Each structure stands twice: as C-alpha cells, then as structure tokens.
PDB file of N, CA and C in Angstrom:
ATOM      1  N   GLN A   1     108.107 107.926  95.591  1.00  0.00           N
ATOM      2  CA  GLN A   1     106.738 107.651  95.663  1.00  0.00           C
ATOM      3  C   GLN A   1     106.397 105.847  95.910  1.00  0.00           C
ATOM      4  N   VAL A   2     106.074 105.901  97.095  1.00  0.00           N
ATOM      5  CA  VAL A   2     106.297 103.775  97.151  1.00  0.00           C
ATOM      6  C   VAL A   2     105.045 103.550  96.414  1.00  0.00           C
ATOM      7  N   GLN A   3     104.975 102.024  96.019  1.00  0.00           N
ATOM      8  CA  GLN A   3     103.950 101.786  94.903  1.00  0.00           C
ATOM      9  C   GLN A   3     104.168 100.662  95.475  1.00  0.00           C
ATOM     10  N   LEU A   4     102.952  99.789  95.022  1.00  0.00           N
ATOM     11  CA  LEU A   4     103.131  97.901  95.581  1.00  0.00           C
ATOM     12  C   LEU A   4     101.664  97.760  93.950  1.00  0.00           C
ATOM     13  N   VAL A   5     102.425  97.313  93.332  1.00  0.00           N
ATOM     14  CA  VAL A   5     100.817  96.937  91.708  1.00  0.00           C
ATOM     15  C   VAL A   5     100.968  95.285  91.713  1.00  0.00           C
ATOM     16  N   GLU A   6      99.611  95.149  92.378  1.00  0.00           N
ATOM     17  CA  GLU A   6      99.499  93.452  91.872  1.00  0.00           C
ATOM     18  C   GLU A   6      98.635  93.841  90.573  1.00  0.00           C
ATOM     19  N   SER A   7      99.052  92.481  90.809  1.00  0.00           N
ATOM     20  CA  SER A   7      98.512  92.159  89.244  1.00  0.00           C
ATOM     21  C   SER A   7      98.427  90.712  89.647  1.00  0.00           C
ATOM     22  N   GLY A   8      97.439  89.597  88.303  1.00  0.00           N
ATOM     23  CA  GLY A   8      97.596  88.474  88.139  1.00  0.00           C
ATOM     24  C   GLY A   8      96.434  87.719  88.269  1.00  0.00           C
ATOM     25  N   GLY A   9      94.881  88.747  89.004  1.00  0.00           N
ATOM     26  CA  GLY A   9      94.254  88.206  90.028  1.00  0.00           C
ATOM     27  C   GLY A   9      92.846  87.773  89.041  1.00  0.00           C
ATOM     28  N   GLY A  10      91.354  87.038  88.826  1.00  0.00           N
ATOM     29  CA  GLY A  10      90.955  86.342  87.943  1.00  0.00           C
ATOM     30  C   GLY A  10      89.705  85.989  88.185  1.00  0.00           C
ATOM     31  N   PHE A  11      89.188  84.891  87.023  1.00  0.00           N
ATOM     32  CA  PHE A  11      88.015  84.258  88.214  1.00  0.00           C
ATOM     33  C   PHE A  11      88.256  83.114  87.544  1.00  0.00           C
ATOM     34  N   VAL A  12      88.362  82.421  87.976  1.00  0.00           N
ATOM     35  CA  VAL A  12      89.594  80.629  87.907  1.00  0.00           C
ATOM     36  C   VAL A  12      88.615  79.641  88.347  1.00  0.00           C
ATOM     37  N   GLN A  13      88.839  78.562  87.434  1.00  0.00           N
ATOM     38  CA  GLN A  13      87.285  77.174  88.353  1.00  0.00           C
ATOM     39  C   GLN A  13      87.913  76.412  89.536  1.00  0.00           C
ATOM     40  N   PRO A  14      87.075  75.703  90.685  1.00  0.00           N
ATOM     41  CA  PRO A  14      87.908  74.987  91.378  1.00  0.00           C
ATOM     42  C   PRO A  14      88.850  73.960  90.889  1.00  0.00           C
ATOM     43  N   GLY A  15      89.744  73.840  91.747  1.00  0.00           N
ATOM     44  CA  GLY A  15      90.453  73.546  90.792  1.00  0.00           C
ATOM     45  C   GLY A  15      92.319  73.883  90.594  1.00  0.00           C
ATOM     46  N   GLY A  16      91.854  75.183  89.919  1.00  0.00           N
ATOM     47  CA  GLY A  16      92.378  75.842  88.822  1.00  0.00           C
ATOM     48  C   GLY A  16      93.141  76.475  89.720  1.00  0.00           C
ATOM     49  N   SER A  17      94.900  77.607  88.645  1.00  0.00           N
ATOM     50  CA  SER A  17      95.915  78.128  89.242  1.00  0.00           C
ATOM     51  C   SER A  17      95.923  79.463  88.678  1.00  0.00           C
ATOM     52  N   LEU A  18      96.156  80.191  89.650  1.00  0.00           N
ATOM     53  CA  LEU A  18      96.706  81.922  89.162  1.00  0.00           C
ATOM     54  C   LEU A  18      98.239  81.962  90.072  1.00  0.00           C
ATOM     55  N   ARG A  19      98.882  82.788  89.306  1.00  0.00           N
ATOM     56  CA  ARG A  19     100.061  83.641  90.088  1.00  0.00           C
ATOM     57  C   ARG A  19     100.184  84.841  89.884  1.00  0.00           C
ATOM     58  N   LEU A  20      99.750  85.639  91.622  1.00  0.00           N
ATOM     59  CA  LEU A  20      99.833  86.425  91.718  1.00  0.00           C
ATOM     60  C   LEU A  20     101.148  86.894  91.891  1.00  0.00           C
ATOM     61  N   SER A  21     101.325  88.690  90.994  1.00  0.00           N
ATOM     62  CA  SER A  21     102.443  89.296  91.171  1.00  0.00           C
ATOM     63  C   SER A  21     102.524  90.573  92.022  1.00  0.00           C
ATOM     64  N   CYS A  22     103.194  91.288  92.508  1.00  0.00           N
ATOM     65  CA  CYS A  22     103.470  92.405  92.769  1.00  0.00           C
ATOM     66  C   CYS A  22     104.403  93.354  93.009  1.00  0.00           C
ATOM     67  N   ALA A  23     104.388  94.297  92.020  1.00  0.00           N
ATOM     68  CA  ALA A  23     105.954  95.058  91.334  1.00  0.00           C
ATOM     69  C   ALA A  23     105.815  95.988  92.678  1.00  0.00           C
ATOM     70  N   VAL A  24     107.288  96.066  92.823  1.00  0.00           N
ATOM     71  CA  VAL A  24     107.149  97.059  93.889  1.00  0.00           C
ATOM     72  C   VAL A  24     108.757  98.223  93.575  1.00  0.00           C
ATOM     73  N   SER A  25     107.888  99.316  93.867  1.00  0.00           N
ATOM     74  CA  SER A  25     108.749 100.902  93.759  1.00  0.00           C
ATOM     75  C   SER A  25     108.781 101.743  94.631  1.00  0.00           C
ATOM     76  N   GLY A  26     110.397 102.311  94.618  1.00  0.00           N
ATOM     77  CA  GLY A  26     109.859 103.898  95.601  1.00  0.00           C
ATOM     78  C   GLY A  26     110.627 102.994  96.844  1.00  0.00           C
ATOM     79  N   ILE A  27     110.662 102.256  97.283  1.00  0.00           N
ATOM     80  CA  ILE A  27     111.647 101.491  98.481  1.00  0.00           C
ATOM     81  C   ILE A  27     113.042 100.297  97.632  1.00  0.00           C
ATOM     82  N   THR A  28     113.828 100.240  99.044  1.00  0.00           N
ATOM     83  CA  THR A  28     114.299  98.925  98.308  1.00  0.00           C
ATOM     84  C   THR A  28     114.133  97.968  98.951  1.00  0.00           C
ATOM     85  N   PHE A  29     113.772  97.628  97.638  1.00  0.00           N
ATOM     86  CA  PHE A  29     112.841  96.309  97.937  1.00  0.00           C
ATOM     87  C   PHE A  29     113.446  94.968  98.769  1.00  0.00           C
ATOM     88  N   SER A  30     114.787  95.001  99.047  1.00  0.00           N
ATOM     89  CA  SER A  30     115.427  93.706  98.961  1.00  0.00           C
ATOM     90  C   SER A  30     115.296  93.583 101.218  1.00  0.00           C
ATOM     91  N   GLY A  31     115.370  94.708 101.485  1.00  0.00           N
ATOM     92  CA  GLY A  31     115.324  95.154 102.364  1.00  0.00           C
ATOM     93  C   GLY A  31     114.106  95.502 103.127  1.00  0.00           C
ATOM     94  N   TYR A  32     112.890  94.447 102.575  1.00  0.00           N
ATOM     95  CA  TYR A  32     111.341  94.393 103.148  1.00  0.00           C
ATOM     96  C   TYR A  32     111.235  92.784 103.619  1.00  0.00           C
ATOM     97  N   VAL A  33     110.382  92.498 104.472  1.00  0.00           N
ATOM     98  CA  VAL A  33     109.786  91.854 104.630  1.00  0.00           C
ATOM     99  C   VAL A  33     108.587  91.694 103.430  1.00  0.00           C
ATOM    100  N   MET A  34     107.670  90.627 102.621  1.00  0.00           N
ATOM    101  CA  MET A  34     106.938  90.696 101.765  1.00  0.00           C
ATOM    102  C   MET A  34     105.837  89.891 101.900  1.00  0.00           C
ATOM    103  N   SER A  35     104.666  90.314 102.073  1.00  0.00           N
ATOM    104  CA  SER A  35     103.442  89.036 102.628  1.00  0.00           C
ATOM    105  C   SER A  35     102.176  88.953 101.748  1.00  0.00           C
ATOM    106  N   TRP A  36     101.350  88.143 101.738  1.00  0.00           N
ATOM    107  CA  TRP A  36     100.463  88.824 101.037  1.00  0.00           C
ATOM    108  C   TRP A  36      99.448  87.997 101.600  1.00  0.00           C
ATOM    109  N   TYR A  37      97.665  88.685 102.172  1.00  0.00           N
ATOM    110  CA  TYR A  37      96.410  88.912 102.417  1.00  0.00           C
ATOM    111  C   TYR A  37      95.750  88.781 101.664  1.00  0.00           C
ATOM    112  N   ARG A  38      94.925  88.555 101.932  1.00  0.00           N
ATOM    113  CA  ARG A  38      93.201  88.447 101.390  1.00  0.00           C
ATOM    114  C   ARG A  38      92.250  88.916 103.034  1.00  0.00           C
ATOM    115  N   GLN A  39      91.410  89.262 101.437  1.00  0.00           N
ATOM    116  CA  GLN A  39      90.027  89.844 102.245  1.00  0.00           C
ATOM    117  C   GLN A  39      88.819  89.343 101.204  1.00  0.00           C
ATOM    118  N   GLY A  40      88.143  88.111 101.534  1.00  0.00           N
ATOM    119  CA  GLY A  40      86.964  87.959 101.451  1.00  0.00           C
ATOM    120  C   GLY A  40      85.175  87.987 101.812  1.00  0.00           C
ATOM    121  N   PRO A  41      84.829  87.683 101.160  1.00  0.00           N
ATOM    122  CA  PRO A  41      83.183  88.622 101.499  1.00  0.00           C
ATOM    123  C   PRO A  41      82.917  88.881 102.759  1.00  0.00           C
ATOM    124  N   GLY A  42      83.005  89.728 102.821  1.00  0.00           N
ATOM    125  CA  GLY A  42      82.617  89.889 104.703  1.00  0.00           C
ATOM    126  C   GLY A  42      83.169  89.078 106.406  1.00  0.00           C
ATOM    127  N   LYS A  43      84.302  89.062 105.031  1.00  0.00           N
ATOM    128  CA  LYS A  43      85.065  88.440 106.448  1.00  0.00           C
ATOM    129  C   LYS A  43      86.441  89.687 106.735  1.00  0.00           C
ATOM    130  N   GLU A  44      87.470  89.429 107.731  1.00  0.00           N
ATOM    131  CA  GLU A  44      88.512  89.944 108.028  1.00  0.00           C
ATOM    132  C   GLU A  44      89.270  89.981 107.368  1.00  0.00           C
ATOM    133  N   ARG A  45      90.933  91.200 106.943  1.00  0.00           N
ATOM    134  CA  ARG A  45      92.003  90.848 106.128  1.00  0.00           C
ATOM    135  C   ARG A  45      92.531  89.618 106.962  1.00  0.00           C
ATOM    136  N   GLU A  46      93.343  88.740 106.221  1.00  0.00           N
ATOM    137  CA  GLU A  46      94.433  87.703 106.802  1.00  0.00           C
ATOM    138  C   GLU A  46      95.340  87.355 106.195  1.00  0.00           C
ATOM    139  N   LEU A  47      96.441  87.405 106.979  1.00  0.00           N
ATOM    140  CA  LEU A  47      97.906  87.005 106.693  1.00  0.00           C
ATOM    141  C   LEU A  47      97.425  85.398 105.906  1.00  0.00           C
ATOM    142  N   VAL A  48      98.195  85.760 104.565  1.00  0.00           N
ATOM    143  CA  VAL A  48      98.376  84.109 103.440  1.00  0.00           C
ATOM    144  C   VAL A  48      99.319  84.037 103.373  1.00  0.00           C
ATOM    145  N   ALA A  49     100.787  84.627 103.172  1.00  0.00           N
ATOM    146  CA  ALA A  49     102.202  83.808 103.078  1.00  0.00           C
ATOM    147  C   ALA A  49     103.114  85.242 103.421  1.00  0.00           C
ATOM    148  N   ARG A  50     103.718  84.796 103.741  1.00  0.00           N
ATOM    149  CA  ARG A  50     104.955  85.721 104.362  1.00  0.00           C
ATOM    150  C   ARG A  50     106.075  85.460 103.855  1.00  0.00           C
ATOM    151  N   ILE A  51     107.334  86.631 103.597  1.00  0.00           N
ATOM    152  CA  ILE A  51     108.232  85.429 103.064  1.00  0.00           C
ATOM    153  C   ILE A  51     109.539  86.429 103.344  1.00  0.00           C
ATOM    154  N   THR A  52     111.114  85.752 104.286  1.00  0.00           N
ATOM    155  CA  THR A  52     111.453  87.106 104.145  1.00  0.00           C
ATOM    156  C   THR A  52     112.476  87.840 103.650  1.00  0.00           C
ATOM    157  N   THR A  53     113.643  88.900 103.816  1.00  0.00           N
ATOM    158  CA  THR A  53     114.207  89.380 102.826  1.00  0.00           C
ATOM    159  C   THR A  53     114.611  88.904 102.044  1.00  0.00           C
ATOM    160  N   THR A  54     115.714  87.795 102.048  1.00  0.00           N
ATOM    161  CA  THR A  54     116.798  87.223 101.659  1.00  0.00           C
ATOM    162  C   THR A  54     115.078  85.548 100.635  1.00  0.00           C
ATOM    163  N   GLY A  55     114.615  85.335 101.134  1.00  0.00           N
ATOM    164  CA  GLY A  55     113.627  84.758 100.324  1.00  0.00           C
ATOM    165  C   GLY A  55     114.169  82.950 101.158  1.00  0.00           C
ATOM    166  N   ARG A  56     114.378  82.918 101.957  1.00  0.00           N
ATOM    167  CA  ARG A  56     115.156  81.703 102.790  1.00  0.00           C
ATOM    168  C   ARG A  56     113.666  80.629 103.876  1.00  0.00           C
ATOM    169  N   LYS A  57     112.926  82.292 104.478  1.00  0.00           N
ATOM    170  CA  LYS A  57     112.227  82.017 105.068  1.00  0.00           C
ATOM    171  C   LYS A  57     110.499  82.084 104.361  1.00  0.00           C
ATOM    172  N   THR A  58     109.934  80.659 104.519  1.00  0.00           N
ATOM    173  CA  THR A  58     108.978  81.984 104.210  1.00  0.00           C
ATOM    174  C   THR A  58     107.354  81.002 105.190  1.00  0.00           C
ATOM    175  N   ASP A  59     106.346  81.409 105.667  1.00  0.00           N
ATOM    176  CA  ASP A  59     105.575  81.058 106.355  1.00  0.00           C
ATOM    177  C   ASP A  59     104.171  81.230 106.072  1.00  0.00           C
ATOM    178  N   TYR A  60     102.745  80.270 106.138  1.00  0.00           N
ATOM    179  CA  TYR A  60     101.716  80.370 105.401  1.00  0.00           C
ATOM    180  C   TYR A  60     100.820  79.717 106.258  1.00  0.00           C
ATOM    181  N   ALA A  61      99.942  80.292 106.395  1.00  0.00           N
ATOM    182  CA  ALA A  61      98.296  80.077 106.804  1.00  0.00           C
ATOM    183  C   ALA A  61      98.202  79.142 106.392  1.00  0.00           C
ATOM    184  N   ASP A  62      97.449  78.210 107.512  1.00  0.00           N
ATOM    185  CA  ASP A  62      97.235  76.758 107.644  1.00  0.00           C
ATOM    186  C   ASP A  62      96.325  76.635 106.135  1.00  0.00           C
ATOM    187  N   SER A  63      95.059  77.487 105.902  1.00  0.00           N
ATOM    188  CA  SER A  63      94.320  77.056 105.209  1.00  0.00           C
ATOM    189  C   SER A  63      94.983  76.821 103.002  1.00  0.00           C
ATOM    190  N   VAL A  64      96.426  77.067 103.084  1.00  0.00           N
ATOM    191  CA  VAL A  64      96.605  77.772 102.097  1.00  0.00           C
ATOM    192  C   VAL A  64      98.236  76.789 101.841  1.00  0.00           C
ATOM    193  N   LYS A  65      98.766  76.047 102.961  1.00  0.00           N
ATOM    194  CA  LYS A  65      99.495  75.353 103.219  1.00  0.00           C
ATOM    195  C   LYS A  65      99.096  73.665 102.277  1.00  0.00           C
ATOM    196  N   GLY A  66     100.803  73.637 101.322  1.00  0.00           N
ATOM    197  CA  GLY A  66      99.751  73.004 100.345  1.00  0.00           C
ATOM    198  C   GLY A  66     100.462  73.272  99.194  1.00  0.00           C
ATOM    199  N   ARG A  67      99.489  74.515  98.962  1.00  0.00           N
ATOM    200  CA  ARG A  67      98.681  74.920  98.005  1.00  0.00           C
ATOM    201  C   ARG A  67      99.419  75.778  97.110  1.00  0.00           C
ATOM    202  N   PHE A  68      99.378  76.958  98.200  1.00  0.00           N
ATOM    203  CA  PHE A  68     100.416  78.233  97.943  1.00  0.00           C
ATOM    204  C   PHE A  68     101.688  78.270  98.081  1.00  0.00           C
ATOM    205  N   THR A  69     102.500  78.684  96.681  1.00  0.00           N
ATOM    206  CA  THR A  69     103.563  79.627  97.466  1.00  0.00           C
ATOM    207  C   THR A  69     104.299  80.623  97.393  1.00  0.00           C
ATOM    208  N   ILE A  70     104.481  81.479  97.608  1.00  0.00           N
ATOM    209  CA  ILE A  70     105.761  82.470  98.358  1.00  0.00           C
ATOM    210  C   ILE A  70     107.162  82.547  97.780  1.00  0.00           C
ATOM    211  N   SER A  71     107.020  83.493  96.803  1.00  0.00           N
ATOM    212  CA  SER A  71     108.892  83.546  96.609  1.00  0.00           C
ATOM    213  C   SER A  71     108.903  84.979  96.029  1.00  0.00           C
ATOM    214  N   ARG A  72     110.031  85.314  95.798  1.00  0.00           N
ATOM    215  CA  ARG A  72     110.194  86.805  95.534  1.00  0.00           C
ATOM    216  C   ARG A  72     111.474  86.958  94.567  1.00  0.00           C
ATOM    217  N   ASP A  73     112.013  87.637  93.850  1.00  0.00           N
ATOM    218  CA  ASP A  73     113.274  87.607  93.083  1.00  0.00           C
ATOM    219  C   ASP A  73     113.156  89.413  92.948  1.00  0.00           C
ATOM    220  N   ASN A  74     114.842  89.709  93.543  1.00  0.00           N
ATOM    221  CA  ASN A  74     115.008  90.701  94.228  1.00  0.00           C
ATOM    222  C   ASN A  74     115.992  91.729  93.771  1.00  0.00           C
ATOM    223  N   ALA A  75     115.958  91.289  92.452  1.00  0.00           N
ATOM    224  CA  ALA A  75     116.434  91.694  90.985  1.00  0.00           C
ATOM    225  C   ALA A  75     115.862  92.159  90.202  1.00  0.00           C
ATOM    226  N   LYS A  76     114.157  91.738  90.422  1.00  0.00           N
ATOM    227  CA  LYS A  76     113.224  92.022  89.691  1.00  0.00           C
ATOM    228  C   LYS A  76     112.362  93.244  90.498  1.00  0.00           C
ATOM    229  N   ASN A  77     112.729  93.846  91.909  1.00  0.00           N
ATOM    230  CA  ASN A  77     111.914  93.741  92.891  1.00  0.00           C
ATOM    231  C   ASN A  77     110.314  93.772  92.749  1.00  0.00           C
ATOM    232  N   THR A  78     110.186  92.226  92.619  1.00  0.00           N
ATOM    233  CA  THR A  78     108.871  91.894  92.595  1.00  0.00           C
ATOM    234  C   THR A  78     108.370  90.851  93.167  1.00  0.00           C
ATOM    235  N   ALA A  79     107.057  90.733  93.489  1.00  0.00           N
ATOM    236  CA  ALA A  79     107.146  89.232  94.581  1.00  0.00           C
ATOM    237  C   ALA A  79     105.828  88.916  93.962  1.00  0.00           C
ATOM    238  N   TYR A  80     105.502  87.278  94.137  1.00  0.00           N
ATOM    239  CA  TYR A  80     104.655  86.044  93.464  1.00  0.00           C
ATOM    240  C   TYR A  80     104.110  85.439  94.756  1.00  0.00           C
ATOM    241  N   LEU A  81     102.920  85.412  94.312  1.00  0.00           N
ATOM    242  CA  LEU A  81     102.378  84.080  94.896  1.00  0.00           C
ATOM    243  C   LEU A  81     101.312  83.260  94.279  1.00  0.00           C
ATOM    244  N   GLN A  82     102.512  81.520  94.384  1.00  0.00           N
ATOM    245  CA  GLN A  82     101.759  81.002  93.078  1.00  0.00           C
ATOM    246  C   GLN A  82     100.589  80.005  93.906  1.00  0.00           C
ATOM    247  N   MET A  83      99.160  79.983  92.975  1.00  0.00           N
ATOM    248  CA  MET A  83      97.906  79.476  94.063  1.00  0.00           C
ATOM    249  C   MET A  83      97.967  78.787  93.140  1.00  0.00           C
ATOM    250  N   ASN A  84      97.915  77.670  94.083  1.00  0.00           N
ATOM    251  CA  ASN A  84      97.451  75.842  92.992  1.00  0.00           C
ATOM    252  C   ASN A  84      96.004  75.148  93.640  1.00  0.00           C
ATOM    253  N   SER A  85      94.432  74.472  93.228  1.00  0.00           N
ATOM    254  CA  SER A  85      94.331  73.795  93.546  1.00  0.00           C
ATOM    255  C   SER A  85      93.446  74.704  94.620  1.00  0.00           C
ATOM    256  N   LEU A  86      92.927  75.652  93.975  1.00  0.00           N
ATOM    257  CA  LEU A  86      92.258  77.235  93.477  1.00  0.00           C
ATOM    258  C   LEU A  86      91.046  76.023  95.010  1.00  0.00           C
ATOM    259  N   LYS A  87      90.452  76.518  95.091  1.00  0.00           N
ATOM    260  CA  LYS A  87      88.898  76.306  96.344  1.00  0.00           C
ATOM    261  C   LYS A  87      88.141  77.940  96.319  1.00  0.00           C
ATOM    262  N   PRO A  88      86.685  77.158  96.763  1.00  0.00           N
ATOM    263  CA  PRO A  88      86.132  78.492  96.258  1.00  0.00           C
ATOM    264  C   PRO A  88      85.757  79.348  97.519  1.00  0.00           C
ATOM    265  N   ASP A  89      86.251  79.228  98.450  1.00  0.00           N
ATOM    266  CA  ASP A  89      86.681  79.584  99.053  1.00  0.00           C
ATOM    267  C   ASP A  89      88.663  80.888  99.261  1.00  0.00           C
ATOM    268  N   ASP A  90      89.046  80.235  98.510  1.00  0.00           N
ATOM    269  CA  ASP A  90      90.204  81.182  97.852  1.00  0.00           C
ATOM    270  C   ASP A  90      89.226  82.603  97.497  1.00  0.00           C
ATOM    271  N   THR A  91      88.512  82.858  96.828  1.00  0.00           N
ATOM    272  CA  THR A  91      87.938  83.761  96.798  1.00  0.00           C
ATOM    273  C   THR A  91      87.996  85.084  97.773  1.00  0.00           C
ATOM    274  N   ALA A  92      88.616  86.304  97.317  1.00  0.00           N
ATOM    275  CA  ALA A  92      88.280  87.533  97.697  1.00  0.00           C
ATOM    276  C   ALA A  92      89.732  88.209  96.873  1.00  0.00           C
ATOM    277  N   VAL A  93      90.211  89.546  97.590  1.00  0.00           N
ATOM    278  CA  VAL A  93      91.025  90.537  97.486  1.00  0.00           C
ATOM    279  C   VAL A  93      92.136  90.318  97.758  1.00  0.00           C
ATOM    280  N   TYR A  94      93.282  89.767  96.820  1.00  0.00           N
ATOM    281  CA  TYR A  94      94.174  89.433  97.741  1.00  0.00           C
ATOM    282  C   TYR A  94      95.449  90.763  97.501  1.00  0.00           C
ATOM    283  N   TYR A  95      95.829  91.414  98.352  1.00  0.00           N
ATOM    284  CA  TYR A  95      96.818  92.496  99.249  1.00  0.00           C
ATOM    285  C   TYR A  95      98.391  92.342  99.167  1.00  0.00           C
ATOM    286  N   CYS A  96      98.544  92.491  98.103  1.00  0.00           N
ATOM    287  CA  CYS A  96     100.789  93.040  99.172  1.00  0.00           C
ATOM    288  C   CYS A  96     100.986  93.790  99.558  1.00  0.00           C
ATOM    289  N   ASN A  97     102.131  93.337 100.598  1.00  0.00           N
ATOM    290  CA  ASN A  97     102.302  93.894 101.763  1.00  0.00           C
ATOM    291  C   ASN A  97     104.082  94.361 102.110  1.00  0.00           C
ATOM    292  N   ALA A  98     104.445  95.301 102.287  1.00  0.00           N
ATOM    293  CA  ALA A  98     105.693  94.796 102.148  1.00  0.00           C
ATOM    294  C   ALA A  98     106.057  96.226 103.957  1.00  0.00           C
ATOM    295  N   GLN A  99     107.161  95.277 104.798  1.00  0.00           N
ATOM    296  CA  GLN A  99     106.992  95.762 105.599  1.00  0.00           C
ATOM    297  C   GLN A  99     108.585  95.696 105.627  1.00  0.00           C
ATOM    298  N   LEU A 100     108.745  96.935 106.793  1.00  0.00           N
ATOM    299  CA  LEU A 100     110.082  96.897 107.038  1.00  0.00           C
ATOM    300  C   LEU A 100     110.553  97.853 109.329  1.00  0.00           C
ATOM    301  N   LEU A 101     110.692  96.590 109.463  1.00  0.00           N
ATOM    302  CA  LEU A 101     109.643  97.613 111.106  1.00  0.00           C
ATOM    303  C   LEU A 101     108.864  98.143 111.262  1.00  0.00           C
ATOM    304  N   GLN A 102     108.919 100.004 111.697  1.00  0.00           N
ATOM    305  CA  GLN A 102     107.319 100.080 111.863  1.00  0.00           C
ATOM    306  C   GLN A 102     107.164 100.600 110.204  1.00  0.00           C
ATOM    307  N   SER A 103     107.054 100.916 109.338  1.00  0.00           N
ATOM    308  CA  SER A 103     107.028 101.387 107.669  1.00  0.00           C
ATOM    309  C   SER A 103     106.296  99.794 106.735  1.00  0.00           C
ATOM    310  N   MET A 104     105.344 100.236 106.635  1.00  0.00           N
ATOM    311  CA  MET A 104     104.462  98.881 106.097  1.00  0.00           C
ATOM    312  C   MET A 104     103.600  99.516 104.905  1.00  0.00           C
ATOM    313  N   TYR A 105     103.901  99.381 103.395  1.00  0.00           N
ATOM    314  CA  TYR A 105     103.125  99.753 102.056  1.00  0.00           C
ATOM    315  C   TYR A 105     102.058  98.841 102.083  1.00  0.00           C
ATOM    316  N   TRP A 106     100.718  99.118 101.401  1.00  0.00           N
ATOM    317  CA  TRP A 106     100.189  98.392 100.819  1.00  0.00           C
ATOM    318  C   TRP A 106      99.729  98.673  99.178  1.00  0.00           C
ATOM    319  N   GLY A 107      99.943  97.581  98.149  1.00  0.00           N
ATOM    320  CA  GLY A 107      98.910  97.848  97.432  1.00  0.00           C
ATOM    321  C   GLY A 107      97.429  97.551  97.530  1.00  0.00           C
ATOM    322  N   GLN A 108      97.139  98.115  96.330  1.00  0.00           N
ATOM    323  CA  GLN A 108      95.639  98.048  95.451  1.00  0.00           C
ATOM    324  C   GLN A 108      94.858  96.943  96.035  1.00  0.00           C
ATOM    325  N   GLY A 109      94.701  95.773  95.585  1.00  0.00           N
ATOM    326  CA  GLY A 109      94.528  94.569  95.882  1.00  0.00           C
ATOM    327  C   GLY A 109      94.315  93.825  94.806  1.00  0.00           C
ATOM    328  N   THR A 110      94.051  92.903  94.452  1.00  0.00           N
ATOM    329  CA  THR A 110      93.613  92.160  92.982  1.00  0.00           C
ATOM    330  C   THR A 110      92.806  91.096  93.508  1.00  0.00           C
ATOM    331  N   GLN A 111      91.239  90.981  92.912  1.00  0.00           N
ATOM    332  CA  GLN A 111      90.317  89.909  93.219  1.00  0.00           C
ATOM    333  C   GLN A 111      90.750  88.909  92.293  1.00  0.00           C
ATOM    334  N   VAL A 112      90.244  88.106  92.939  1.00  0.00           N
ATOM    335  CA  VAL A 112      90.673  86.997  93.111  1.00  0.00           C
ATOM    336  C   VAL A 112      89.221  85.738  93.589  1.00  0.00           C
ATOM    337  N   THR A 113      88.881  85.288  91.917  1.00  0.00           N
ATOM    338  CA  THR A 113      87.108  84.355  92.223  1.00  0.00           C
ATOM    339  C   THR A 113      87.445  83.065  91.852  1.00  0.00           C
ATOM    340  N   VAL A 114      87.575  82.497  92.709  1.00  0.00           N
ATOM    341  CA  VAL A 114      86.749  81.027  92.034  1.00  0.00           C
ATOM    342  C   VAL A 114      85.479  80.161  91.878  1.00  0.00           C
ATOM    343  N   SER A 115      85.005  80.059  91.568  1.00  0.00           N
ATOM    344  CA  SER A 115      83.601  79.261  91.140  1.00  0.00           C
ATOM    345  C   SER A 115      84.002  78.388  90.168  1.00  0.00           C
ATOM    346  N   SER A 116      82.541  77.399  89.902  1.00  0.00           N
ATOM    347  CA  SER A 116      82.531  76.417  88.625  1.00  0.00           C
ATOM    348  C   SER A 116      80.866  77.008  87.993  1.00  0.00           C
TER     349      SER A 116
END
C-alpha cells in the first residue's frame, strides 16, 4: 500500500519558518519525482516546488523562489520543504506528490497558517 504522510505544518507568524516532511512508503521512492503543491482558501491547487529523482534539479513557483527550498533524502524515503520568510498568502493546505510517468500519488495534506 502506497502512503505519503506529510508532517510539520502548523501556525506561524509572518516572517517565520516551517519545515514540512513527506514520508513515503510502498513505492521505490528514489524513482519518483517529488513535488509539493498547495491549496489556499478559495483557490485552486498549485505547484509550489518540484525535485528530480536524484535531487540535482529543482523548480519553484515564482511566488516562493528565494524563500522555499525543496530537498529529498532517498535513504530515508522522505521529501522536505523548508519554508522561510512566510507570508499570510502562504496559508494553505500543503500536499506532497510522487510521480513516475502515469503513476501519481498524493498525501493527505498538512495545514500551514501564517497570521499575526
């Protein structure tokens, strides 16, 4: 059974930081491109960051460039999203995604709330 379990969300003040984790089981983690998506209140789900299987290449949404960093540890079957300088607009449910060709899996999401 494939499982993607996100953790690390919570409440933080503007300017603060959070680190999300996505623990993956049931698939060969190192073979999957890993991504983080988010869906804010009243908004569509959007891609936040993506990392290749080896971790050598990353891509980011313009809105998070320079503030967020995606990484992965293939030995631990875990992907991460380090979020710094958080803004209220970053408030959303953050989802972990694993994709290999047509195979795609999602986590259940973790809530991030940025507010003073």
